[in-house]
Amino acid sequence: MALLDWVPGEELSGADLGDHRLIGATLARVHAALCEVSVAVADRFHWVDPDGEHLGIRPWVRDAVAAGVAAYDELDPPSLSRGLLHTDPAPQAFRLDRARGVCGLIDWSTAMTGPLLYDLASAVMYVGGPGRAGSLVEAYLDDGIVPRVEVERGLLAMLRFRWAVQADYFARRIAAEDLTGIASAAENEVGLEDARGWLSRLSRTGSTL
């Protein structure tokens, strides 16, 4: 059990450039604040197993997930800037207190140490991909917590891995008939198809921005 402070404000929608800039700046500020923090029992990145039985749920899933993991491995993971991760910084996790002009980040789950680029790729994913996330990425880079050259080198590959995580997640839910938090099994199918589309698209792009 943990006692947490209430974070006042309204959740962001991620629908406009103002939200994108806030998301990027807030994520960078959070990463900077946690850069010297260590958690003895933090989980280690990452958890995706291309041999997982659930990845046989559709003919394409295993190969696409394995390719996403390979794209991550090719980044030379030890060379990436690391720290404590949020792991799922969707727009709804950012709360803006307009009266104070302060934006916070909620919905932290397990403590995990990994490449900060994973959180940035997650944020980019949620606002519609790299073609729509320029303001978000630039706002994140303004803090300097991750070098621009690292982002330019690794963001697309990490985004591909992030979509592999989505495919792994929804394949697992479909295999287990897990309907937690959704109205019907169709929502899991939509999530898996979204992952399929993006993994296919990213497999045809270059590896750098």
Protein backbone atom coordinates (compact mmCIF):
# COMPACT_ATOMS: atom_id res chain seq x y z
CA MET A 1 0.00 0.00 0.00
CA ALA A 2 1.22 3.52 -0.80
CA LEU A 3 -0.16 6.89 0.25
CA LEU A 4 0.01 9.30 -2.67
CA ASP A 5 -0.60 13.03 -2.94
CA TRP A 6 -3.55 14.12 -5.04
CA VAL A 7 -2.39 15.85 -8.23
CA PRO A 8 -4.80 18.69 -9.01
CA GLY A 9 -5.74 19.73 -12.52
CA GLU A 10 -7.31 18.47 -15.72
CA GLU A 11 -5.98 15.64 -17.84
CA LEU A 12 -4.57 16.53 -21.23
CA SER A 13 -6.17 15.27 -24.42
CA GLY A 14 -3.06 15.30 -26.58
CA ALA A 15 -5.14 16.81 -29.37
CA ASP A 16 -3.22 20.04 -29.97
CA LEU A 17 0.31 21.37 -30.13
CA GLY A 18 -0.01 23.06 -26.75
CA ASP A 19 -0.69 19.70 -25.15
CA HIS A 20 2.19 18.16 -27.08
CA ARG A 21 4.63 20.76 -25.79
CA LEU A 22 3.39 20.29 -22.22
CA ILE A 23 3.75 16.52 -22.48
CA GLY A 24 7.31 16.76 -23.80
CA ALA A 25 8.40 19.38 -21.27
CA THR A 26 6.77 17.60 -18.32
CA LEU A 27 8.22 14.23 -19.25
CA ALA A 28 11.70 15.76 -19.50
CA ARG A 29 11.25 17.51 -16.16
CA VAL A 30 10.19 14.24 -14.53
CA HIS A 31 13.14 12.36 -16.01
CA ALA A 32 15.51 15.08 -14.81
CA ALA A 33 14.04 15.00 -11.30
CA LEU A 34 14.52 11.23 -11.10
CA CYS A 35 17.96 10.99 -12.70
CA GLU A 36 19.75 10.64 -9.36
CA VAL A 37 17.06 8.44 -7.78
CA SER A 38 17.61 4.70 -7.48
CA VAL A 39 15.16 2.03 -6.36
CA ALA A 40 16.74 -1.13 -5.03
CA VAL A 41 13.91 -3.39 -6.17
CA ALA A 42 13.24 -1.71 -9.54
CA ASP A 43 12.36 -4.05 -12.39
CA ARG A 44 14.80 -4.25 -15.26
CA PHE A 45 13.88 -3.36 -18.81
CA HIS A 46 12.53 -5.17 -20.82
CA TRP A 47 9.97 -7.95 -20.48
CA VAL A 48 9.05 -8.89 -24.09
CA ASP A 49 9.77 -12.54 -24.95
CA PRO A 50 9.51 -13.27 -28.70
CA ASP A 51 9.12 -16.96 -27.84
CA GLY A 52 6.03 -16.36 -25.68
CA GLU A 53 3.24 -18.84 -26.38
CA HIS A 54 0.62 -16.09 -26.62
CA LEU A 55 2.37 -14.60 -29.66
CA GLY A 56 1.01 -17.48 -31.72
CA ILE A 57 -2.45 -15.93 -31.50
CA ARG A 58 -2.15 -14.63 -35.10
CA PRO A 59 0.30 -15.71 -37.86
CA TRP A 60 2.02 -12.32 -38.08
CA VAL A 61 2.44 -11.45 -34.41
CA ARG A 62 5.56 -13.39 -33.42
CA ASP A 63 7.70 -12.26 -36.35
CA ALA A 64 6.61 -8.63 -35.96
CA VAL A 65 7.34 -8.61 -32.24
CA ALA A 66 10.70 -10.32 -32.76
CA ALA A 67 11.61 -7.69 -35.36
CA GLY A 68 10.70 -4.93 -32.90
CA VAL A 69 12.89 -6.49 -30.22
CA ALA A 70 15.73 -6.83 -32.75
CA ALA A 71 15.39 -3.15 -33.66
CA TYR A 72 15.81 -2.28 -29.98
CA ASP A 73 18.81 -4.58 -29.60
CA GLU A 74 20.50 -2.93 -32.59
CA LEU A 75 20.47 0.39 -30.73
CA ASP A 76 23.21 -0.92 -28.40
CA PRO A 77 21.01 -0.58 -25.28
CA PRO A 78 23.91 0.04 -22.82
CA SER A 79 24.73 3.20 -24.79
CA LEU A 80 21.31 4.76 -24.14
CA SER A 81 20.54 7.27 -21.37
CA ARG A 82 18.83 5.42 -18.54
CA GLY A 83 16.71 6.18 -15.52
CA LEU A 84 13.42 5.43 -13.81
CA LEU A 85 10.60 5.03 -16.32
CA HIS A 86 6.92 5.85 -16.21
CA THR A 87 6.43 3.25 -19.02
CA ASP A 88 3.01 4.50 -20.18
CA PRO A 89 2.88 8.32 -20.41
CA ALA A 90 -0.42 8.67 -22.26
CA PRO A 91 -1.88 12.20 -22.48
CA GLN A 92 -4.48 11.33 -19.84
CA ALA A 93 -1.69 10.74 -17.32
CA PHE A 94 -0.64 14.40 -17.53
CA ARG A 95 -2.65 16.76 -15.33
CA LEU A 96 -2.48 20.51 -15.84
CA ASP A 97 -3.28 22.82 -12.94
CA ARG A 98 -4.15 25.93 -14.93
CA ALA A 99 -4.38 28.13 -11.84
CA ARG A 100 -0.76 27.44 -10.94
CA GLY A 101 0.55 26.73 -14.44
CA VAL A 102 1.94 23.38 -13.31
CA CYS A 103 1.62 20.03 -15.10
CA GLY A 104 2.06 16.75 -13.24
CA LEU A 105 2.38 13.12 -14.33
CA ILE A 106 0.29 10.44 -12.59
CA ASP A 107 -0.49 6.72 -12.95
CA TRP A 108 2.96 5.37 -12.14
CA SER A 109 2.89 1.61 -11.77
CA THR A 110 5.88 -0.64 -11.14
CA ALA A 111 9.30 0.88 -10.56
CA MET A 112 11.39 0.15 -13.64
CA THR A 113 14.82 1.28 -14.77
CA GLY A 114 15.43 1.50 -18.50
CA PRO A 115 16.19 3.74 -21.47
CA LEU A 116 14.53 7.14 -21.16
CA LEU A 117 13.95 6.98 -24.90
CA TYR A 118 11.27 4.36 -24.21
CA ASP A 119 9.11 6.88 -22.37
CA LEU A 120 9.63 9.44 -25.13
CA ALA A 121 8.69 6.87 -27.78
CA SER A 122 5.58 6.02 -25.76
CA ALA A 123 4.53 9.67 -25.64
CA VAL A 124 5.14 9.98 -29.39
CA MET A 125 3.04 6.87 -30.00
CA TYR A 126 0.09 8.26 -28.07
CA VAL A 127 -0.07 11.54 -29.99
CA GLY A 128 -0.12 9.84 -33.39
CA GLY A 129 3.46 9.03 -34.30
CA PRO A 130 6.58 10.96 -35.29
CA GLY A 131 4.82 12.93 -38.02
CA ARG A 132 2.64 14.62 -35.41
CA ALA A 133 5.03 14.75 -32.48
CA GLY A 134 7.60 17.33 -33.54
CA SER A 135 6.57 19.86 -30.89
CA LEU A 136 6.55 17.18 -28.20
CA VAL A 137 10.03 15.94 -29.09
CA GLU A 138 11.48 19.46 -29.30
CA ALA A 139 9.99 20.38 -25.91
CA TYR A 140 11.52 17.23 -24.44
CA LEU A 141 14.91 17.99 -25.97
CA ASP A 142 14.92 21.53 -24.57
CA ASP A 143 15.67 20.06 -21.14
CA GLY A 144 18.79 18.27 -22.38
CA ILE A 145 18.24 15.15 -20.29
CA VAL A 146 18.74 12.98 -23.41
CA PRO A 147 21.13 14.19 -26.14
CA ARG A 148 19.57 15.18 -29.46
CA VAL A 149 21.88 12.82 -31.31
CA GLU A 150 20.56 9.90 -29.25
CA VAL A 151 16.96 10.81 -30.03
CA GLU A 152 17.69 11.24 -33.73
CA ARG A 153 19.52 7.91 -33.80
CA GLY A 154 17.12 5.87 -31.75
CA LEU A 155 13.57 7.23 -31.62
CA LEU A 156 12.17 5.40 -34.66
CA ALA A 157 13.69 2.08 -33.60
CA MET A 158 12.40 2.56 -30.07
CA LEU A 159 8.97 3.45 -31.44
CA ARG A 160 8.99 0.19 -33.37
CA PHE A 161 9.86 -1.63 -30.17
CA ARG A 162 7.09 0.28 -28.35
CA TRP A 163 4.55 -0.97 -30.88
CA ALA A 164 5.95 -4.48 -30.41
CA VAL A 165 5.13 -4.01 -26.72
CA GLN A 166 1.57 -3.10 -27.72
CA ALA A 167 1.29 -6.20 -29.90
CA ASP A 168 2.65 -8.37 -27.09
CA TYR A 169 0.19 -6.80 -24.63
CA PHE A 170 -2.93 -7.25 -26.75
CA ALA A 171 -1.92 -10.73 -27.92
CA ARG A 172 -1.59 -11.75 -24.28
CA ARG A 173 -5.01 -10.28 -23.46
CA ILE A 174 -6.66 -12.02 -26.42
CA ALA A 175 -5.05 -15.36 -25.57
CA ALA A 176 -6.22 -15.07 -21.95
CA GLU A 177 -9.67 -13.68 -22.92
CA ASP A 178 -8.89 -10.76 -20.64
CA LEU A 179 -11.61 -8.09 -20.76
CA THR A 180 -10.35 -6.04 -17.82
CA GLY A 181 -11.22 -2.38 -18.32
CA ILE A 182 -12.98 -2.82 -21.67
CA ALA A 183 -16.55 -3.41 -22.86
CA SER A 184 -15.88 -6.26 -25.29
CA ALA A 185 -13.21 -8.46 -26.83
CA ALA A 186 -13.38 -6.28 -29.95
CA GLU A 187 -11.34 -3.61 -28.18
CA ASN A 188 -8.44 -6.01 -27.75
CA GLU A 189 -8.67 -6.86 -31.45
CA VAL A 190 -8.58 -3.17 -32.38
CA GLY A 191 -5.49 -2.67 -30.23
CA LEU A 192 -3.73 -5.59 -31.89
CA GLU A 193 -4.63 -4.36 -35.39
CA ASP A 194 -3.36 -0.87 -34.56
CA ALA A 195 -0.06 -2.45 -33.55
CA ARG A 196 0.03 -4.45 -36.76
CA GLY A 197 -0.45 -1.36 -38.90
CA TRP A 198 2.25 0.65 -37.16
CA LEU A 199 4.74 -2.23 -37.05
CA SER A 200 4.28 -2.70 -40.78
CA ARG A 201 4.72 1.01 -41.43
CA LEU A 202 7.81 1.33 -39.25
CA SER A 203 9.41 -1.72 -40.86
CA ARG A 204 9.46 0.25 -44.13
CA THR A 205 10.99 3.45 -42.74
CA GLY A 206 14.61 4.33 -42.03
CA SER A 207 16.11 3.78 -38.62
CA THR A 208 16.91 7.44 -37.91
CA LEU A 209 14.91 10.68 -37.94
